[in-house]
Protein backbone atom coordinates (compact mmCIF):
# COMPACT_ATOMS: atom_id res chain seq x y z
CA UNK A 1 31.92 100.29 -88.02
CA UNK A 2 29.50 98.50 -90.33
CA UNK A 3 29.52 95.93 -93.11
CA UNK A 4 29.16 96.38 -96.85
CA UNK A 5 25.37 96.91 -96.60
CA UNK A 6 25.90 100.35 -95.05
CA UNK A 7 25.69 102.28 -98.34
CA UNK A 8 22.36 100.76 -99.36
CA UNK A 9 21.05 101.16 -95.81
CA UNK A 10 21.81 104.90 -95.80
CA UNK A 11 20.07 105.37 -99.16
CA UNK A 12 16.93 103.55 -98.08
CA UNK A 13 16.85 105.30 -94.71
CA UNK A 14 17.15 108.70 -96.42
CA UNK A 15 14.15 107.92 -98.63
CA UNK A 16 12.12 106.84 -95.58
CA UNK A 17 13.14 109.97 -93.69
CA UNK A 18 11.82 112.19 -96.50
CA UNK A 19 8.63 110.15 -96.91
CA UNK A 20 7.78 110.35 -93.18
CA UNK A 21 8.17 114.15 -93.00
CA UNK A 22 6.21 115.50 -95.99
CA UNK A 23 3.17 116.46 -94.00
CA UNK A 24 1.49 118.80 -93.15
CA UNK A 25 2.55 120.85 -96.20
CA UNK A 26 1.84 118.00 -98.63
CA UNK A 27 -1.63 116.43 -98.36
CA UNK A 28 -1.33 114.13 -101.38
CA UNK A 29 0.17 110.73 -102.03
CA UNK A 30 3.84 111.07 -103.03
CA UNK A 31 6.01 108.26 -104.33
CA UNK A 32 9.56 108.38 -102.95
CA UNK A 33 11.87 106.16 -105.03
CA UNK A 34 15.57 105.27 -104.66
CA UNK A 35 16.44 105.43 -108.34
CA UNK A 36 17.92 107.75 -110.91
CA UNK A 37 15.79 110.57 -112.40
CA UNK A 38 13.45 109.07 -115.00
CA UNK A 39 13.78 109.78 -118.70
CA UNK A 40 10.02 110.42 -118.89
CA UNK A 41 8.10 112.63 -116.47
CA UNK A 42 6.09 110.56 -113.96
CA UNK A 43 2.32 110.88 -113.88
CA UNK A 44 1.95 111.63 -110.17
CA UNK A 45 4.01 113.51 -107.55
CA UNK A 46 7.38 111.77 -107.24
CA UNK A 47 10.66 112.27 -105.40
CA UNK A 48 13.76 110.39 -106.54
CA UNK A 49 16.79 109.82 -104.26
CA UNK A 50 19.74 109.06 -106.55
CA UNK A 51 23.22 108.15 -105.24
CA UNK A 52 25.41 109.47 -108.06
CA UNK A 53 28.88 109.36 -106.44
CA UNK A 54 30.83 107.67 -103.61
CA UNK A 55 34.14 109.28 -102.53
CA UNK A 56 36.72 108.63 -99.83
CA UNK A 57 36.49 110.82 -96.76
CA UNK A 58 39.58 113.04 -96.74
CA UNK A 59 39.86 113.36 -92.96
CA UNK A 60 39.53 109.63 -92.14
CA UNK A 61 40.97 107.89 -95.19
CA UNK A 62 44.18 106.91 -93.32
CA UNK A 63 42.69 106.56 -89.85
CA UNK A 64 43.05 102.77 -89.82
CA UNK A 65 46.78 102.63 -90.65
CA UNK A 66 48.78 100.52 -90.06
CA UNK A 67 46.61 97.44 -90.49
CA UNK A 68 49.39 94.84 -90.84
CA UNK A 69 52.79 94.18 -89.27
CA UNK A 70 56.07 93.86 -91.18
CA UNK A 71 55.56 90.11 -91.60
CA UNK A 72 52.02 90.58 -92.99
CA UNK A 73 50.17 89.71 -89.79
CA UNK A 74 46.87 91.55 -89.49
CA UNK A 75 46.97 93.96 -86.53
CA UNK A 76 43.45 95.34 -86.83
CA UNK A 77 40.60 95.41 -89.29
CA UNK A 78 40.78 97.87 -92.13
CA UNK A 79 37.97 100.40 -92.46
CA UNK A 80 37.02 102.38 -95.57
CA UNK A 81 35.80 105.90 -94.74
CA UNK A 82 33.29 107.07 -97.36
CA UNK A 83 31.15 110.08 -98.29
CA UNK A 84 27.90 109.52 -100.20
CA UNK A 85 26.66 112.15 -102.67
CA UNK A 86 22.92 112.25 -103.41
CA UNK A 87 20.81 114.03 -106.00
CA UNK A 88 17.21 114.50 -104.86
CA UNK A 89 14.74 115.49 -107.62
CA UNK A 90 11.03 116.31 -107.46
CA UNK A 91 8.33 115.86 -110.10
CA UNK A 92 4.68 116.97 -110.17
CA UNK A 93 2.12 119.20 -111.74
CA UNK A 94 3.89 122.41 -112.74
CA UNK A 95 0.64 124.36 -112.69
CA UNK A 96 0.24 123.75 -108.97
CA UNK A 97 4.03 123.98 -108.34
CA UNK A 98 4.09 120.50 -106.87
CA UNK A 99 7.79 120.00 -107.61
CA UNK A 100 8.77 123.17 -105.78
CA UNK A 101 6.59 122.28 -102.80
CA UNK A 102 8.22 118.86 -102.61
CA UNK A 103 11.76 120.31 -102.75
CA UNK A 104 10.81 122.72 -99.96
CA UNK A 105 9.76 119.79 -97.78
CA UNK A 106 13.01 117.95 -98.52
CA UNK A 107 15.16 120.94 -97.54
CA UNK A 108 13.14 121.53 -94.36
CA UNK A 109 13.38 117.88 -93.31
CA UNK A 110 17.14 117.52 -93.82
CA UNK A 111 17.83 120.85 -92.14
CA UNK A 112 15.65 119.93 -89.15
CA UNK A 113 16.93 116.31 -88.90
CA UNK A 114 20.49 116.35 -90.26
CA UNK A 115 21.53 113.12 -88.48
CA UNK A 116 20.09 109.80 -89.56
CA UNK A 117 17.98 108.47 -86.59
CA UNK A 118 18.84 105.05 -85.20
CA UNK A 119 15.20 103.79 -85.08
CA UNK A 120 14.83 104.57 -88.78
CA UNK A 121 18.01 102.61 -89.58
CA UNK A 122 16.71 99.64 -87.61
CA UNK A 123 13.39 99.87 -89.51
CA UNK A 124 14.98 99.65 -92.95
CA UNK A 125 17.42 96.96 -91.80
CA UNK A 126 14.44 94.60 -91.41
CA UNK A 127 13.78 94.67 -95.15
CA UNK A 128 14.57 91.36 -96.89
CA UNK A 129 17.27 92.81 -99.15
CA UNK A 130 18.97 94.66 -96.23
CA UNK A 131 18.85 91.84 -93.70
CA UNK A 132 22.16 91.60 -91.85
CA UNK A 133 22.99 95.32 -91.97
CA UNK A 134 24.67 96.48 -88.76
CA UNK A 135 24.69 100.23 -89.46
CA UNK A 136 22.50 100.85 -86.41
CA UNK A 137 25.20 99.41 -84.13
CA UNK A 138 27.96 101.74 -85.25
CA UNK A 139 29.06 104.62 -83.03
CA UNK A 140 29.68 107.00 -85.93
CA UNK A 141 26.52 108.82 -86.99
CA UNK A 142 25.61 109.68 -90.58
CA UNK A 143 25.07 113.43 -91.13
CA UNK A 144 23.56 115.14 -94.19
CA UNK A 145 24.90 118.48 -95.41
CA UNK A 146 23.81 120.40 -98.53
CA UNK A 147 26.25 120.57 -101.44
CA UNK A 148 26.69 123.89 -103.25
CA UNK A 149 26.71 123.33 -107.02
CA UNK A 150 26.99 126.06 -109.65
CA UNK A 151 25.50 126.00 -113.15
CA UNK A 152 28.58 124.35 -114.68
CA UNK A 153 28.67 121.49 -112.15
CA UNK A 154 24.92 120.98 -112.44
CA UNK A 155 25.17 120.84 -116.23
CA UNK A 156 27.94 118.23 -116.05
CA UNK A 157 25.98 116.13 -113.57
CA UNK A 158 22.83 116.09 -115.66
CA UNK A 159 24.91 115.55 -118.79
CA UNK A 160 25.96 112.17 -117.39
CA UNK A 161 22.29 111.15 -117.26
CA UNK A 162 21.81 110.29 -120.92
CA UNK A 163 18.50 111.45 -122.43
CA UNK A 164 17.18 112.58 -119.04
CA UNK A 165 15.47 115.99 -118.95
CA UNK A 166 16.46 118.36 -116.19
CA UNK A 167 14.23 118.70 -113.14
CA UNK A 168 14.39 120.84 -110.04
CA UNK A 169 16.83 119.12 -107.66
CA UNK A 170 19.01 119.55 -104.57
CA UNK A 171 22.32 117.83 -103.76
CA UNK A 172 23.32 116.49 -100.35
CA UNK A 173 26.37 114.75 -98.93
CA UNK A 174 26.14 111.99 -96.30
CA UNK A 175 29.17 111.39 -94.10
CA UNK A 176 30.69 109.50 -92.43
CA UNK A 177 30.11 105.88 -93.51
CA UNK A 178 32.69 103.34 -92.30
CA UNK A 179 32.82 99.91 -93.96
CA UNK A 180 34.90 97.42 -91.98
CA UNK A 181 36.78 94.41 -93.31
CA UNK A 182 35.84 90.77 -92.57
CA UNK A 183 39.21 89.29 -91.62
CA UNK A 184 39.81 88.80 -87.92
CA UNK A 185 43.12 90.19 -86.56
CA UNK A 186 45.54 87.93 -84.69
CA UNK A 187 45.20 88.58 -80.95
CA UNK A 188 48.30 89.92 -79.22
CA UNK A 189 50.28 87.52 -77.04
CA UNK A 190 49.83 88.07 -73.30
CA UNK A 191 52.70 89.01 -71.02
CA UNK A 192 54.29 85.76 -69.80
CA UNK A 193 56.84 87.03 -67.30
CA UNK A 194 57.55 90.29 -65.49
CA UNK A 195 61.12 90.96 -64.34
CA UNK A 196 61.86 93.89 -62.01
CA UNK A 197 65.23 94.21 -60.17
CA UNK A 198 67.06 96.93 -58.25
CA UNK A 199 70.87 97.28 -58.35
CA UNK A 200 73.16 99.94 -56.82
CA UNK A 201 75.26 102.34 -58.84
CA UNK A 202 78.50 100.78 -60.01
CA UNK A 203 77.15 97.25 -60.22
CA UNK A 204 77.52 95.34 -63.52
CA UNK A 205 74.83 96.51 -65.90
CA UNK A 206 73.82 99.47 -63.70
CA UNK A 207 74.06 103.10 -64.88
CA UNK A 208 76.77 105.43 -63.60
CA UNK A 209 76.14 107.71 -60.65
CA UNK A 210 75.14 111.17 -61.85
CA UNK A 211 77.55 113.98 -61.00
CA UNK A 212 76.27 116.64 -58.55
CA UNK A 213 75.30 119.99 -59.97
CA UNK A 214 77.74 122.88 -59.61
CA UNK A 215 80.94 120.85 -59.88
CA UNK A 216 83.65 121.46 -62.46
CA UNK A 217 82.57 118.46 -64.49
CA UNK A 218 78.84 118.87 -63.81
CA UNK A 219 76.22 120.50 -65.89
CA UNK A 220 76.40 123.78 -63.96
CA UNK A 221 80.22 124.09 -64.19
CA UNK A 222 80.33 124.57 -67.93
CA UNK A 223 77.82 127.46 -68.03
CA UNK A 224 79.69 129.22 -65.18
CA UNK A 225 82.99 128.90 -67.03
CA UNK A 226 81.43 130.24 -70.20
CA UNK A 227 79.84 133.13 -68.32
CA UNK A 228 83.18 134.12 -66.68
CA UNK A 229 84.94 133.99 -70.03
CA UNK A 230 82.25 136.14 -71.60
CA UNK A 231 82.21 138.74 -68.82
CA UNK A 232 86.03 139.19 -68.74
CA UNK A 233 87.14 142.64 -70.06
CA UNK A 234 89.09 142.69 -73.32
CA UNK A 235 92.90 142.54 -72.95
CA UNK A 236 94.78 145.78 -73.51
CA UNK A 237 97.56 145.81 -76.10
CA UNK A 238 101.01 145.32 -74.58
CA UNK A 239 103.65 148.01 -75.11
CA UNK A 240 107.36 147.72 -75.60
CA UNK A 241 109.90 149.87 -73.95
CA UNK A 242 109.81 153.45 -75.26
CA UNK A 243 105.95 153.63 -75.42
CA UNK A 244 105.45 151.84 -78.73
CA UNK A 245 102.95 149.01 -79.08
CA UNK A 246 104.22 145.49 -79.24
CA UNK A 247 104.30 143.80 -82.67
CA UNK A 248 101.09 142.03 -83.69
CA UNK A 249 98.81 144.09 -81.39
CA UNK A 250 95.80 146.16 -82.37
CA UNK A 251 97.65 149.41 -81.58
CA UNK A 252 100.44 148.55 -84.00
CA UNK A 253 97.96 147.75 -86.76
CA UNK A 254 96.27 151.15 -86.51
CA UNK A 255 95.73 152.48 -90.04
CA UNK A 256 97.80 155.45 -91.25
CA UNK A 257 96.34 158.94 -91.05
CA UNK A 258 94.80 160.38 -94.23
CA UNK A 259 96.89 162.56 -96.55
CA UNK A 260 95.12 165.77 -95.51
CA UNK A 261 96.05 165.27 -91.85
CA UNK A 262 99.69 164.60 -92.78
CA UNK A 263 99.86 167.91 -94.71
CA UNK A 264 98.40 169.83 -91.76
CA UNK A 265 101.06 168.31 -89.46
CA UNK A 266 103.79 169.32 -91.94
CA UNK A 267 102.60 172.95 -91.99
CA UNK A 268 102.61 173.26 -88.20
CA UNK A 269 106.15 171.88 -87.84
CA UNK A 270 108.00 175.14 -88.93
CA UNK A 271 106.18 177.16 -86.29
CA UNK A 272 107.70 174.96 -83.59
CA UNK A 273 111.11 175.28 -85.26
CA UNK A 274 110.93 179.12 -85.26
CA UNK A 275 110.07 179.04 -81.59
CA UNK A 276 113.20 177.01 -80.88
CA UNK A 277 115.36 179.41 -82.92
CA UNK A 278 114.03 182.42 -81.07
CA UNK A 279 114.76 180.77 -77.76
CA UNK A 280 118.27 179.93 -78.96
CA UNK A 281 118.91 183.48 -80.13
CA UNK A 282 117.79 184.86 -76.82
CA UNK A 283 120.11 182.49 -75.08
CA UNK A 284 122.97 183.42 -77.27
CA UNK A 285 122.23 187.12 -76.82
CA UNK A 286 122.15 186.67 -73.10
CA UNK A 287 125.47 184.89 -73.24
CA UNK A 288 127.07 187.71 -75.22
CA UNK A 289 125.79 190.32 -72.82
CA UNK A 290 127.09 188.33 -69.97
CA UNK A 291 130.42 188.09 -71.72
CA UNK A 292 130.63 191.82 -72.20
CA UNK A 293 129.77 192.41 -68.63
CA UNK A 294 132.42 189.97 -67.61
CA UNK A 295 134.97 191.75 -69.79
CA UNK A 296 134.20 195.04 -68.17
CA UNK A 297 134.45 193.73 -64.68
CA UNK A 298 137.57 191.60 -65.15
CA UNK A 299 139.49 189.49 -67.53
CA UNK A 300 137.59 188.17 -70.44
CA UNK A 301 138.40 184.47 -70.40
CA UNK A 302 135.30 182.65 -71.64
CA UNK A 303 133.44 185.21 -73.75
CA UNK A 304 135.58 185.29 -76.87
CA UNK A 305 135.92 181.50 -76.88
CA UNK A 306 132.17 181.09 -76.81
CA UNK A 307 131.79 183.61 -79.61
CA UNK A 308 134.28 181.76 -81.72
CA UNK A 309 132.39 178.48 -81.19
CA UNK A 310 129.17 180.14 -82.26
């Protein structure tokens, strides 16, 4: 964590980082300034480092919560997580392509050294207007990554710079910068007394003895009972005397046969009736023959009576 001078320290350190790494490609004196792009083109080779936006870091914006207790007591210092957005522009003689050569050196430097070095931070912290900056003591490092901007975003950015002509530029984002609050949190109260006691089961204030596994009331008894109830075969419908199903059973509630099956059963019934008549006729014929034979052999006592009944 660092104090409120962290933003200015990062800007000045970035300018020093670019200035120290222009050679060997650039063999001329280049002015590196921490200001907005000028409205008029500078006379000599110039690089401007302009901080145009400061935004909250989305991944660490709530990393310090909660900072206070319910009664308002400060639990820990608040820390603002920030991202810094820079616009780096280059100016020079267009005939010798000085601006393009300078932008090439900037891109090479920030790609080769993406993390702000600690010795460079300590160097700029000794400046009179940055005295007291503690950015070099923070654990979190500041990393530079290029920002992809299309034509529309570039036009809007340069449109904010009133009466400033466009110049070849690159955009970079510096993250993460943590600015810590000044208020000191209230230290937590130390532990005054430690109380440890051992009591048997059943004593006042002691928990109940756990039931052994596998008993009827235990944890294993209930699953066994449920398993036996699930594995039991389904009950068969009870029948009344005479072969009919008892009232209320599934057999009694069997749906009636379709009309086509009832007609087929009606057509087959006469065939069974004719079979019974044929059997009866044969029986009667046999009885008459027997009667005649009985009349021939002796007195005819039962034959005529049976014929009259028929």
